[in-house]
Amino acid sequence: MKRLGLARHPHESLGRAVQRAHWEPVFWAVTEMRPTHQPMPVINPLAAIVLSPAGARMAQLPEDLLCFATGEATAKALGPRPVILSSEPRAEGLWERLQAHFPQGGDFLLIRGERSRGHLEAVAQGTAWRLHPWITHQEAPLNPTPPRPAMDAVLALSPLQAEVLAPLCGDVRRFAWGERAGGAFERMGAPAHGVCESTVEALERMLEESIHS
């Protein structure tokens, strides 16, 4: 079985997707999330939108505040609180859930990282759903970089991961989760061998198609 290095553990949703595609997931993180210590930008929001497990861990939220989460890992990191899962593991699904649950609009926290792609801010601009970004964390390279494990390919889950991984990949194949990570590989002079949409289903398809190549 071919081995795929990625910054997720085998029991997490992406790790399970890798296994379903008949690859062996191998944990290899080259970046880490660091808190920004920014204060909460709004008092008494109707709910919080949480884009990642890192944001869930670093945001100090009221225990009874309703949260919209991108996926199972984010929901788990939020702990015992009311959570509504996105219809798909990305911002587009969260926007649908938010509109359906709060058709009247209102003020909402948007918990995200420093380099978020900004989709929700763009689609909510000028609408009744007022999103207040709270940048709780930023991604930074690990120093020193952990040794590369034995693997046949690597998956970059963010543009920064792709930037760090590009010179470390050597002869292994490079896969990218989303166009932004794929573009980062391209800018580093190490084009990706495969780029998928930021969904579990797209990742499985890409890995299944590439397993024999």
C-alpha atoms as a PDB file:
ATOM      1  CA  MET A   1       0.000   0.000   0.000  1.00  0.00           C
ATOM      2  CA  LYS A   2       1.299   3.451  -0.911  1.00  0.00           C
ATOM      3  CA  ARG A   3       1.929   5.928   1.902  1.00  0.00           C
ATOM      4  CA  LEU A   4       0.695   9.536   1.905  1.00  0.00           C
ATOM      5  CA  GLY A   5       2.191  12.126   4.233  1.00  0.00           C
ATOM      6  CA  LEU A   6      -0.218  14.762   5.561  1.00  0.00           C
ATOM      7  CA  ALA A   7      -0.780  16.886   8.648  1.00  0.00           C
ATOM      8  CA  ARG A   8      -3.727  14.838   9.894  1.00  0.00           C
ATOM      9  CA  HIS A   9      -3.864  11.730  12.058  1.00  0.00           C
ATOM     10  CA  PRO A  10      -5.313   8.490  10.626  1.00  0.00           C
ATOM     11  CA  HIS A  11      -8.413   8.654  12.873  1.00  0.00           C
ATOM     12  CA  GLU A  12      -9.429  12.123  11.615  1.00  0.00           C
ATOM     13  CA  SER A  13     -11.834  12.546   8.708  1.00  0.00           C
ATOM     14  CA  LEU A  14      -9.120  13.234   6.111  1.00  0.00           C
ATOM     15  CA  GLY A  15      -7.054  10.326   7.390  1.00  0.00           C
ATOM     16  CA  ARG A  16     -10.047   8.020   6.999  1.00  0.00           C
ATOM     17  CA  ALA A  17     -10.639   9.354   3.474  1.00  0.00           C
ATOM     18  CA  VAL A  18      -7.041   8.500   2.580  1.00  0.00           C
ATOM     19  CA  GLN A  19      -7.586   4.963   3.849  1.00  0.00           C
ATOM     20  CA  ARG A  20     -10.803   4.586   1.854  1.00  0.00           C
ATOM     21  CA  ALA A  21      -8.811   5.522  -1.256  1.00  0.00           C
ATOM     22  CA  HIS A  22      -6.445   2.606  -0.469  1.00  0.00           C
ATOM     23  CA  TRP A  23      -3.532   4.727   0.699  1.00  0.00           C
ATOM     24  CA  GLU A  24      -1.875   4.584   4.112  1.00  0.00           C
ATOM     25  CA  PRO A  25      -1.970   8.001   5.874  1.00  0.00           C
ATOM     26  CA  VAL A  26       1.312   8.984   7.542  1.00  0.00           C
ATOM     27  CA  PHE A  27       1.304  11.942   9.914  1.00  0.00           C
ATOM     28  CA  TRP A  28       3.831  14.635   8.932  1.00  0.00           C
ATOM     29  CA  ALA A  29       3.295  18.230  10.010  1.00  0.00           C
ATOM     30  CA  VAL A  30       5.689  20.951   8.846  1.00  0.00           C
ATOM     31  CA  THR A  31       3.704  23.909  10.197  1.00  0.00           C
ATOM     32  CA  GLU A  32       1.895  24.750  13.423  1.00  0.00           C
ATOM     33  CA  MET A  33      -0.873  27.092  14.525  1.00  0.00           C
ATOM     34  CA  ARG A  34       0.036  29.899  16.898  1.00  0.00           C
ATOM     35  CA  PRO A  35      -2.460  32.115  18.767  1.00  0.00           C
ATOM     36  CA  THR A  36      -2.767  35.790  17.814  1.00  0.00           C
ATOM     37  CA  HIS A  37      -4.309  36.828  21.164  1.00  0.00           C
ATOM     38  CA  GLN A  38      -6.700  39.206  19.412  1.00  0.00           C
ATOM     39  CA  PRO A  39      -9.778  40.207  21.460  1.00  0.00           C
ATOM     40  CA  MET A  40     -13.267  39.074  20.437  1.00  0.00           C
ATOM     41  CA  PRO A  41     -14.558  41.730  17.975  1.00  0.00           C
ATOM     42  CA  VAL A  42     -18.270  41.631  18.889  1.00  0.00           C
ATOM     43  CA  ILE A  43     -20.286  41.169  22.086  1.00  0.00           C
ATOM     44  CA  ASN A  44     -23.274  38.800  22.213  1.00  0.00           C
ATOM     45  CA  PRO A  45     -23.176  37.354  18.672  1.00  0.00           C
ATOM     46  CA  LEU A  46     -26.061  35.115  17.627  1.00  0.00           C
ATOM     47  CA  ALA A  47     -23.616  32.335  16.744  1.00  0.00           C
ATOM     48  CA  ALA A  48     -20.009  31.645  15.782  1.00  0.00           C
ATOM     49  CA  ILE A  49     -18.748  30.261  12.484  1.00  0.00           C
ATOM     50  CA  VAL A  50     -15.645  28.134  13.041  1.00  0.00           C
ATOM     51  CA  LEU A  51     -13.532  27.247  10.016  1.00  0.00           C
ATOM     52  CA  SER A  52     -10.995  24.851  11.550  1.00  0.00           C
ATOM     53  CA  PRO A  53     -10.073  22.763  14.598  1.00  0.00           C
ATOM     54  CA  ALA A  54      -7.287  25.255  15.378  1.00  0.00           C
ATOM     55  CA  GLY A  55      -9.780  28.109  15.577  1.00  0.00           C
ATOM     56  CA  ALA A  56     -12.067  26.000  17.758  1.00  0.00           C
ATOM     57  CA  ARG A  57      -9.258  25.288  20.199  1.00  0.00           C
ATOM     58  CA  MET A  58      -7.964  28.847  20.419  1.00  0.00           C
ATOM     59  CA  ALA A  59     -11.219  30.825  20.613  1.00  0.00           C
ATOM     60  CA  GLN A  60     -12.571  31.326  24.125  1.00  0.00           C
ATOM     61  CA  LEU A  61     -16.302  31.048  23.474  1.00  0.00           C
ATOM     62  CA  PRO A  62     -19.309  30.953  25.831  1.00  0.00           C
ATOM     63  CA  GLU A  63     -20.304  27.337  26.454  1.00  0.00           C
ATOM     64  CA  ASP A  64     -23.885  27.911  25.286  1.00  0.00           C
ATOM     65  CA  LEU A  65     -23.010  29.775  22.067  1.00  0.00           C
ATOM     66  CA  LEU A  66     -24.246  28.015  18.942  1.00  0.00           C
ATOM     67  CA  CYS A  67     -21.417  27.207  16.539  1.00  0.00           C
ATOM     68  CA  PHE A  68     -21.363  26.361  12.846  1.00  0.00           C
ATOM     69  CA  ALA A  69     -18.448  23.996  12.118  1.00  0.00           C
ATOM     70  CA  THR A  70     -16.780  22.964   8.858  1.00  0.00           C
ATOM     71  CA  GLY A  71     -16.551  19.277   9.745  1.00  0.00           C
ATOM     72  CA  GLU A  72     -16.284  16.549  12.353  1.00  0.00           C
ATOM     73  CA  ALA A  73     -12.786  17.483  13.527  1.00  0.00           C
ATOM     74  CA  THR A  74     -13.815  21.106  14.092  1.00  0.00           C
ATOM     75  CA  ALA A  75     -16.987  20.020  15.900  1.00  0.00           C
ATOM     76  CA  LYS A  76     -14.983  17.693  18.148  1.00  0.00           C
ATOM     77  CA  ALA A  77     -12.543  20.486  19.009  1.00  0.00           C
ATOM     78  CA  LEU A  78     -15.461  22.704  20.041  1.00  0.00           C
ATOM     79  CA  GLY A  79     -16.348  20.292  22.835  1.00  0.00           C
ATOM     80  CA  PRO A  80     -19.780  19.905  24.484  1.00  0.00           C
ATOM     81  CA  ARG A  81     -21.649  22.814  22.962  1.00  0.00           C
ATOM     82  CA  PRO A  82     -24.454  23.183  20.378  1.00  0.00           C
ATOM     83  CA  VAL A  83     -22.935  22.642  16.918  1.00  0.00           C
ATOM     84  CA  ILE A  84     -24.377  22.654  13.393  1.00  0.00           C
ATOM     85  CA  LEU A  85     -22.190  20.892  10.827  1.00  0.00           C
ATOM     86  CA  SER A  86     -21.608  22.314   7.378  1.00  0.00           C
ATOM     87  CA  SER A  87     -23.228  20.508   4.457  1.00  0.00           C
ATOM     88  CA  GLU A  88     -19.715  20.199   3.006  1.00  0.00           C
ATOM     89  CA  PRO A  89     -16.286  20.655   4.649  1.00  0.00           C
ATOM     90  CA  ARG A  90     -15.689  24.195   3.411  1.00  0.00           C
ATOM     91  CA  ALA A  91     -17.026  27.734   3.743  1.00  0.00           C
ATOM     92  CA  GLU A  92     -19.703  27.389   1.038  1.00  0.00           C
ATOM     93  CA  GLY A  93     -21.585  24.829   3.104  1.00  0.00           C
ATOM     94  CA  LEU A  94     -21.410  26.996   6.215  1.00  0.00           C
ATOM     95  CA  TRP A  95     -22.987  29.920   4.383  1.00  0.00           C
ATOM     96  CA  GLU A  96     -25.957  27.750   3.376  1.00  0.00           C
ATOM     97  CA  ARG A  97     -26.436  26.489   6.937  1.00  0.00           C
ATOM     98  CA  LEU A  98     -26.192  29.998   8.396  1.00  0.00           C
ATOM     99  CA  GLN A  99     -28.832  31.431   6.067  1.00  0.00           C
ATOM    100  CA  ALA A 100     -31.197  28.525   6.694  1.00  0.00           C
ATOM    101  CA  HIS A 101     -30.902  28.712  10.488  1.00  0.00           C
ATOM    102  CA  PHE A 102     -30.973  32.517  10.778  1.00  0.00           C
ATOM    103  CA  PRO A 103     -33.085  33.723   7.827  1.00  0.00           C
ATOM    104  CA  GLN A 104     -33.429  37.154   9.441  1.00  0.00           C
ATOM    105  CA  GLY A 105     -29.654  37.729   9.538  1.00  0.00           C
ATOM    106  CA  GLY A 106     -27.830  39.235  12.485  1.00  0.00           C
ATOM    107  CA  ASP A 107     -24.322  39.550  13.956  1.00  0.00           C
ATOM    108  CA  PHE A 108     -22.041  36.521  13.878  1.00  0.00           C
ATOM    109  CA  LEU A 109     -18.476  35.732  14.855  1.00  0.00           C
ATOM    110  CA  LEU A 110     -16.266  34.365  12.079  1.00  0.00           C
ATOM    111  CA  ILE A 111     -13.369  32.493  13.658  1.00  0.00           C
ATOM    112  CA  ARG A 112     -10.580  31.988  11.169  1.00  0.00           C
ATOM    113  CA  GLY A 113      -6.843  31.938  10.576  1.00  0.00           C
ATOM    114  CA  GLU A 114      -4.667  34.723   9.252  1.00  0.00           C
ATOM    115  CA  ARG A 115      -4.514  33.359   5.695  1.00  0.00           C
ATOM    116  CA  SER A 116      -8.132  32.299   5.256  1.00  0.00           C
ATOM    117  CA  ARG A 117      -9.342  32.684   1.653  1.00  0.00           C
ATOM    118  CA  GLY A 118     -12.047  35.164   2.742  1.00  0.00           C
ATOM    119  CA  HIS A 119     -14.979  33.528   0.953  1.00  0.00           C
ATOM    120  CA  LEU A 120     -17.538  34.131   3.690  1.00  0.00           C
ATOM    121  CA  GLU A 121     -16.636  37.796   4.121  1.00  0.00           C
ATOM    122  CA  ALA A 122     -17.080  38.283   0.378  1.00  0.00           C
ATOM    123  CA  VAL A 123     -20.475  36.589   0.047  1.00  0.00           C
ATOM    124  CA  ALA A 124     -21.876  38.222   3.214  1.00  0.00           C
ATOM    125  CA  GLN A 125     -20.857  41.759   2.282  1.00  0.00           C
ATOM    126  CA  GLY A 126     -23.911  44.027   2.042  1.00  0.00           C
ATOM    127  CA  THR A 127     -26.317  41.359   3.338  1.00  0.00           C
ATOM    128  CA  ALA A 128     -28.294  41.043   6.573  1.00  0.00           C
ATOM    129  CA  TRP A 129     -25.715  38.512   7.850  1.00  0.00           C
ATOM    130  CA  ARG A 130     -23.024  40.677   9.449  1.00  0.00           C
ATOM    131  CA  LEU A 131     -19.857  38.644   9.932  1.00  0.00           C
ATOM    132  CA  HIS A 132     -17.216  39.863  12.373  1.00  0.00           C
ATOM    133  CA  PRO A 133     -13.859  38.160  11.618  1.00  0.00           C
ATOM    134  CA  TRP A 134     -11.866  37.028  14.642  1.00  0.00           C
ATOM    135  CA  ILE A 135      -8.378  35.968  13.583  1.00  0.00           C
ATOM    136  CA  THR A 136      -7.500  33.671  16.461  1.00  0.00           C
ATOM    137  CA  HIS A 137      -4.430  31.950  15.006  1.00  0.00           C
ATOM    138  CA  GLN A 138      -1.768  32.063  12.337  1.00  0.00           C
ATOM    139  CA  GLU A 139       0.122  29.267  10.629  1.00  0.00           C
ATOM    140  CA  ALA A 140       3.921  29.224  10.942  1.00  0.00           C
ATOM    141  CA  PRO A 141       6.643  26.792   9.803  1.00  0.00           C
ATOM    142  CA  LEU A 142       7.996  24.385  12.395  1.00  0.00           C
ATOM    143  CA  ASN A 143      11.639  25.013  13.222  1.00  0.00           C
ATOM    144  CA  PRO A 144      13.367  22.644  12.978  1.00  0.00           C
ATOM    145  CA  THR A 145      11.320  20.810  10.364  1.00  0.00           C
ATOM    146  CA  PRO A 146      10.490  17.257  11.506  1.00  0.00           C
ATOM    147  CA  PRO A 147      12.299  14.556   9.505  1.00  0.00           C
ATOM    148  CA  ARG A 148      10.462  13.294   6.466  1.00  0.00           C
ATOM    149  CA  PRO A 149       8.937   9.854   7.061  1.00  0.00           C
ATOM    150  CA  ALA A 150       9.010   7.096   4.456  1.00  0.00           C
ATOM    151  CA  MET A 151       6.212   7.863   1.993  1.00  0.00           C
ATOM    152  CA  ASP A 152       5.286   7.836  -1.687  1.00  0.00           C
ATOM    153  CA  ALA A 153       3.431  11.172  -1.819  1.00  0.00           C
ATOM    154  CA  VAL A 154       2.608  14.221   0.270  1.00  0.00           C
ATOM    155  CA  LEU A 155      -0.572  16.292   0.616  1.00  0.00           C
ATOM    156  CA  ALA A 156      -0.383  20.036   1.292  1.00  0.00           C
ATOM    157  CA  LEU A 157      -3.482  21.262   3.116  1.00  0.00           C
ATOM    158  CA  SER A 158      -2.639  24.981   2.911  1.00  0.00           C
ATOM    159  CA  PRO A 159      -0.547  27.337   0.769  1.00  0.00           C
ATOM    160  CA  LEU A 160       2.064  27.668   3.539  1.00  0.00           C
ATOM    161  CA  GLN A 161       2.363  23.904   3.850  1.00  0.00           C
ATOM    162  CA  ALA A 162       2.961  23.714   0.099  1.00  0.00           C
ATOM    163  CA  GLU A 163       5.646  26.412   0.326  1.00  0.00           C
ATOM    164  CA  VAL A 164       7.443  24.506   3.084  1.00  0.00           C
ATOM    165  CA  LEU A 165       6.973  21.072   1.538  1.00  0.00           C
ATOM    166  CA  ALA A 166       8.078  21.954  -2.003  1.00  0.00           C
ATOM    167  CA  PRO A 167      11.845  21.824  -1.336  1.00  0.00           C
ATOM    168  CA  LEU A 168      11.472  18.830   1.003  1.00  0.00           C
ATOM    169  CA  CYS A 169       9.494  16.507  -1.248  1.00  0.00           C
ATOM    170  CA  GLY A 170      12.408  15.168  -3.249  1.00  0.00           C
ATOM    171  CA  ASP A 171      11.190  12.328  -5.454  1.00  0.00           C
ATOM    172  CA  VAL A 172       7.766  11.883  -3.847  1.00  0.00           C
ATOM    173  CA  ARG A 173       4.584  13.009  -5.572  1.00  0.00           C
ATOM    174  CA  ARG A 174       2.956  16.284  -4.539  1.00  0.00           C
ATOM    175  CA  PHE A 175      -0.804  16.624  -4.036  1.00  0.00           C
ATOM    176  CA  ALA A 176      -2.665  19.796  -3.068  1.00  0.00           C
ATOM    177  CA  TRP A 177      -5.911  20.313  -1.146  1.00  0.00           C
ATOM    178  CA  GLY A 178      -7.463  23.220  -3.029  1.00  0.00           C
ATOM    179  CA  GLU A 179      -6.289  25.562  -5.759  1.00  0.00           C
ATOM    180  CA  ARG A 180      -4.493  27.901  -3.354  1.00  0.00           C
ATOM    181  CA  ALA A 181      -2.196  25.104  -2.156  1.00  0.00           C
ATOM    182  CA  GLY A 182      -1.699  24.014  -5.768  1.00  0.00           C
ATOM    183  CA  GLY A 183      -0.767  27.561  -6.732  1.00  0.00           C
ATOM    184  CA  ALA A 184       1.782  27.702  -3.923  1.00  0.00           C
ATOM    185  CA  PHE A 185       3.495  24.556  -5.235  1.00  0.00           C
ATOM    186  CA  GLU A 186       3.561  26.189  -8.684  1.00  0.00           C
ATOM    187  CA  ARG A 187       5.124  29.400  -7.333  1.00  0.00           C
ATOM    188  CA  MET A 188       7.825  27.352  -5.609  1.00  0.00           C
ATOM    189  CA  GLY A 189       8.810  25.743  -8.910  1.00  0.00           C
ATOM    190  CA  ALA A 190       7.465  22.315  -7.892  1.00  0.00           C
ATOM    191  CA  PRO A 191       4.068  21.919  -9.622  1.00  0.00           C
ATOM    192  CA  ALA A 192       1.620  19.544  -7.955  1.00  0.00           C
ATOM    193  CA  HIS A 193       0.959  16.144  -9.498  1.00  0.00           C
ATOM    194  CA  GLY A 194      -2.677  16.489  -8.466  1.00  0.00           C
ATOM    195  CA  VAL A 195      -4.977  19.223  -7.143  1.00  0.00           C
ATOM    196  CA  CYS A 196      -8.422  18.501  -5.717  1.00  0.00           C
ATOM    197  CA  GLU A 197     -11.294  20.636  -4.523  1.00  0.00           C
ATOM    198  CA  SER A 198     -11.373  21.111  -0.763  1.00  0.00           C
ATOM    199  CA  THR A 199     -13.794  18.260  -0.140  1.00  0.00           C
ATOM    200  CA  VAL A 200     -13.303  14.755   1.223  1.00  0.00           C
ATOM    201  CA  GLU A 201     -14.978  13.243  -1.842  1.00  0.00           C
ATOM    202  CA  ALA A 202     -12.656  15.089  -4.245  1.00  0.00           C
ATOM    203  CA  LEU A 203      -9.607  13.972  -2.259  1.00  0.00           C
ATOM    204  CA  GLU A 204     -10.714  10.343  -2.419  1.00  0.00           C
ATOM    205  CA  ARG A 205     -11.253  10.555  -6.176  1.00  0.00           C
ATOM    206  CA  MET A 206      -7.850  12.114  -6.772  1.00  0.00           C
ATOM    207  CA  LEU A 207      -6.044   9.490  -4.689  1.00  0.00           C
ATOM    208  CA  GLU A 208      -7.963   6.596  -6.217  1.00  0.00           C
ATOM    209  CA  GLU A 209      -7.148   7.792  -9.725  1.00  0.00           C
ATOM    210  CA  SER A 210      -3.460   8.246  -8.931  1.00  0.00           C
ATOM    211  CA  ILE A 211      -2.774   5.079  -6.957  1.00  0.00           C
ATOM    212  CA  HIS A 212      -1.606   3.096  -9.998  1.00  0.00           C
ATOM    213  CA  SER A 213       0.238   5.942 -11.722  1.00  0.00           C
END
